[in-house]
Amino acid sequence: AFYCDTTNNQLTYVGVDNAGGQSRFSHRSFAMNSDGTLTADYAEVLVTTSGSTDYSPSITEDSSGDLWVAMTTIQTVRYIEAYECTTSCGTGGNWVSRQNLDNPADSNFAVITPLASGNVAVTTGANVDGISSFRTEVWTGSWSSFTLTTNTGYAPQQSGFWHIGGTLIIGTRNSGPTIHFLSFVSSTW
């Protein structure tokens, strides 16, 4: 996943690395040069996570300039992990786990979205009590209770997401050809 800061001409990526049975995410930031090339700010950083297998990472920068990563991870079931870096993100030890999300079992993806005042929202797609749904939690120094958006026609495992002008758009399809779109703006679906 990539985050592009066009104000500061920075491109940052996050990926997962499950080699050797150790879960971790990799991260690196680049300066975008005027000639179209990239210059690495620091070597790739590996941050160990608490799961056994990580996938579907997303990355963003909050309004305070902190980098955030969210991903699905597997321990006993799939759940969501989030990490924040406030300074010197090229050092793995500077990434802080922001756990205690009210995770549903069987989360299919995690997308992290910047909000005002240094806050972020994490949206997950999951099957809750046999019903396909999206859940969103907001970080304001701790995680809020989740907001549940439920519709039995949604299939969160077949979803895409986009950040457009501060709005999170999720496109998802049911078993047929119809695509549903949901938008998340300022903590509200």
Protein backbone atom coordinates (compact mmCIF):
# COMPACT_ATOMS: atom_id res chain seq x y z
CA ALA A 1 0.00 0.00 0.00
CA PHE A 2 1.19 3.55 -0.65
CA TYR A 3 0.64 6.98 0.84
CA CYS A 4 1.51 10.02 -1.26
CA ASP A 5 2.08 13.35 0.53
CA THR A 6 1.97 15.81 -2.37
CA THR A 7 2.50 18.81 -0.10
CA ASN A 8 5.93 17.55 1.01
CA ASN A 9 6.66 15.47 -2.12
CA GLN A 10 6.92 12.21 -0.14
CA LEU A 11 5.93 8.70 -1.18
CA THR A 12 5.67 6.09 1.58
CA TYR A 13 4.87 2.41 1.25
CA VAL A 14 4.04 -0.44 3.57
CA GLY A 15 4.10 -4.14 2.79
CA VAL A 16 3.93 -7.33 4.80
CA ASP A 17 6.75 -9.82 5.21
CA ASN A 18 5.80 -13.20 6.65
CA ALA A 19 9.11 -14.92 5.84
CA GLY A 20 10.35 -17.55 8.24
CA GLY A 21 7.06 -17.66 10.17
CA GLN A 22 7.64 -14.20 11.64
CA SER A 23 5.00 -11.55 11.00
CA ARG A 24 6.14 -8.04 10.33
CA PHE A 25 5.50 -5.11 8.06
CA SER A 26 8.06 -3.32 5.96
CA HIS A 27 8.06 0.41 5.46
CA ARG A 28 10.09 2.94 3.50
CA SER A 29 9.75 6.59 2.55
CA PHE A 30 11.04 8.39 -0.55
CA ALA A 31 11.44 11.99 -1.66
CA MET A 32 9.72 12.57 -5.02
CA ASN A 33 12.16 14.56 -7.13
CA SER A 34 11.16 17.11 -9.75
CA ASP A 35 12.77 14.97 -12.50
CA GLY A 36 10.38 12.07 -11.68
CA THR A 37 12.91 9.97 -9.74
CA LEU A 38 12.69 8.85 -6.11
CA THR A 39 15.37 9.19 -3.44
CA ALA A 40 15.09 6.90 -0.41
CA ASP A 41 14.97 8.75 2.92
CA TYR A 42 16.17 5.66 4.78
CA ALA A 43 16.63 1.92 4.35
CA GLU A 44 13.61 -0.35 4.49
CA VAL A 45 12.40 -0.81 8.07
CA LEU A 46 10.92 -4.07 9.40
CA VAL A 47 8.51 -3.88 12.34
CA THR A 48 7.53 -7.13 14.08
CA THR A 49 3.81 -7.60 14.72
CA SER A 50 1.99 -9.90 17.11
CA GLY A 51 0.24 -12.15 14.58
CA SER A 52 1.45 -15.22 12.72
CA THR A 53 0.52 -13.97 9.23
CA ASP A 54 -0.19 -10.37 8.18
CA TYR A 55 -1.93 -9.19 5.01
CA SER A 56 -3.89 -6.30 3.44
CA PRO A 57 -1.91 -3.39 4.94
CA SER A 58 -2.89 0.25 4.54
CA ILE A 59 -0.92 3.38 5.43
CA THR A 60 -1.78 7.03 5.98
CA GLU A 61 -0.48 10.20 7.59
CA ASP A 62 -2.68 11.95 10.13
CA SER A 63 -3.15 15.73 10.35
CA SER A 64 -0.33 15.94 12.91
CA GLY A 65 2.15 14.34 10.50
CA ASP A 66 2.25 10.94 12.24
CA LEU A 67 2.36 7.82 10.06
CA TRP A 68 -0.18 5.05 10.73
CA VAL A 69 -0.34 1.46 9.47
CA ALA A 70 -3.28 -0.92 9.82
CA MET A 71 -3.45 -4.52 8.63
CA THR A 72 -5.27 -7.78 9.04
CA THR A 73 -3.33 -10.38 10.99
CA ILE A 74 -3.96 -13.96 11.99
CA GLN A 75 -3.55 -15.34 15.48
CA THR A 76 -6.41 -17.70 16.29
CA VAL A 77 -8.72 -15.76 13.93
CA ARG A 78 -8.18 -12.79 11.64
CA TYR A 79 -8.18 -9.45 13.41
CA ILE A 80 -6.85 -5.92 12.95
CA GLU A 81 -3.60 -4.39 14.20
CA ALA A 82 -2.67 -0.70 14.04
CA TYR A 83 0.70 1.00 14.54
CA GLU A 84 1.64 4.69 14.85
CA CYS A 85 4.98 6.42 14.35
CA THR A 86 5.36 9.98 15.63
CA THR A 87 9.05 10.59 14.85
CA SER A 88 12.00 9.04 12.99
CA CYS A 89 9.91 6.39 11.26
CA GLY A 90 13.05 4.92 9.70
CA THR A 91 13.72 3.30 13.09
CA GLY A 92 11.61 0.19 13.72
CA GLY A 93 11.48 0.78 17.49
CA ASN A 94 9.64 4.08 16.96
CA TRP A 95 6.51 2.32 15.71
CA VAL A 96 4.04 1.94 18.60
CA SER A 97 1.30 -0.67 18.66
CA ARG A 98 -2.17 0.89 19.05
CA GLN A 99 -4.08 -2.28 19.85
CA ASN A 100 -7.35 -2.82 21.63
CA LEU A 101 -9.50 -2.26 18.57
CA ASP A 102 -12.90 -3.87 19.10
CA ASN A 103 -12.10 -6.44 16.42
CA PRO A 104 -14.70 -8.70 14.91
CA ALA A 105 -13.62 -12.25 14.25
CA ASP A 106 -12.76 -12.90 10.63
CA SER A 107 -11.80 -9.37 9.56
CA ASN A 108 -11.09 -9.33 5.83
CA PHE A 109 -9.28 -6.01 5.38
CA ALA A 110 -8.29 -2.87 7.24
CA VAL A 111 -8.19 0.59 5.76
CA ILE A 112 -6.91 3.51 7.82
CA THR A 113 -8.15 7.04 7.08
CA PRO A 114 -6.88 10.37 8.45
CA LEU A 115 -9.32 12.61 10.30
CA ALA A 116 -8.95 16.07 11.87
CA SER A 117 -6.93 16.80 15.04
CA GLY A 118 -4.44 13.94 14.59
CA ASN A 119 -7.16 11.29 14.73
CA VAL A 120 -7.61 8.31 12.39
CA ALA A 121 -10.39 5.87 11.56
CA VAL A 122 -9.91 2.16 10.86
CA THR A 123 -12.58 0.43 8.80
CA THR A 124 -12.77 -3.34 8.54
CA GLY A 125 -14.93 -5.71 6.55
CA ALA A 126 -16.09 -8.81 8.36
CA ASN A 127 -18.83 -11.33 8.79
CA VAL A 128 -20.48 -10.61 12.14
CA ASP A 129 -22.98 -13.24 13.29
CA GLY A 130 -23.24 -14.46 9.70
CA ILE A 131 -23.98 -10.99 8.32
CA SER A 132 -21.53 -9.19 6.05
CA SER A 133 -20.73 -5.79 7.51
CA PHE A 134 -18.27 -2.93 7.78
CA ARG A 135 -17.07 -1.68 11.16
CA THR A 136 -15.32 1.60 11.84
CA GLU A 137 -13.43 2.70 14.94
CA VAL A 138 -11.93 6.15 15.53
CA TRP A 139 -8.64 6.86 17.37
CA THR A 140 -8.77 9.98 19.58
CA GLY A 141 -6.04 8.87 22.01
CA SER A 142 -7.85 5.54 22.43
CA TRP A 143 -10.20 3.56 20.18
CA SER A 144 -13.89 4.47 20.16
CA SER A 145 -16.69 1.97 20.18
CA PHE A 146 -17.22 0.72 16.65
CA THR A 147 -19.84 1.97 14.23
CA LEU A 148 -21.44 -0.95 12.41
CA THR A 149 -22.75 -0.64 8.86
CA THR A 150 -24.58 -3.82 7.94
CA ASN A 151 -26.26 -5.10 4.80
CA THR A 152 -26.54 -8.78 3.93
CA GLY A 153 -25.81 -7.98 0.26
CA TYR A 154 -22.29 -6.70 0.93
CA ALA A 155 -19.31 -8.99 0.54
CA PRO A 156 -16.40 -7.32 2.38
CA GLN A 157 -13.92 -9.85 1.05
CA GLN A 158 -14.62 -8.47 -2.46
CA SER A 159 -14.04 -4.81 -1.71
CA GLY A 160 -11.87 -1.97 -2.88
CA PHE A 161 -11.26 1.34 -1.15
CA TRP A 162 -10.14 4.81 -2.14
CA HIS A 163 -9.32 8.04 -0.30
CA ILE A 164 -10.69 10.95 -2.31
CA GLY A 165 -10.45 14.46 -0.88
CA GLY A 166 -10.68 13.36 2.76
CA THR A 167 -13.50 10.89 2.10
CA LEU A 168 -13.14 7.12 2.30
CA ILE A 169 -15.07 5.37 -0.48
CA ILE A 170 -15.61 1.60 -0.29
CA GLY A 171 -16.87 -0.27 -3.33
CA THR A 172 -18.11 -3.80 -2.71
CA ARG A 173 -20.09 -6.31 -4.67
CA ASN A 174 -22.55 -9.00 -3.74
CA SER A 175 -22.75 -12.35 -5.52
CA GLY A 176 -24.10 -10.63 -8.64
CA PRO A 177 -22.67 -7.85 -10.79
CA THR A 178 -23.99 -4.95 -8.65
CA ILE A 179 -21.39 -2.78 -6.93
CA HIS A 180 -22.41 -0.89 -3.78
CA PHE A 181 -20.56 2.25 -2.68
CA LEU A 182 -20.31 3.51 0.89
CA SER A 183 -18.65 6.78 1.90
CA PHE A 184 -17.11 7.73 5.26
CA VAL A 185 -16.68 11.44 6.00
CA SER A 186 -15.68 12.95 9.37
CA SER A 187 -16.49 9.82 11.43
CA THR A 188 -19.89 9.25 9.75
CA TRP A 189 -21.07 6.72 7.17
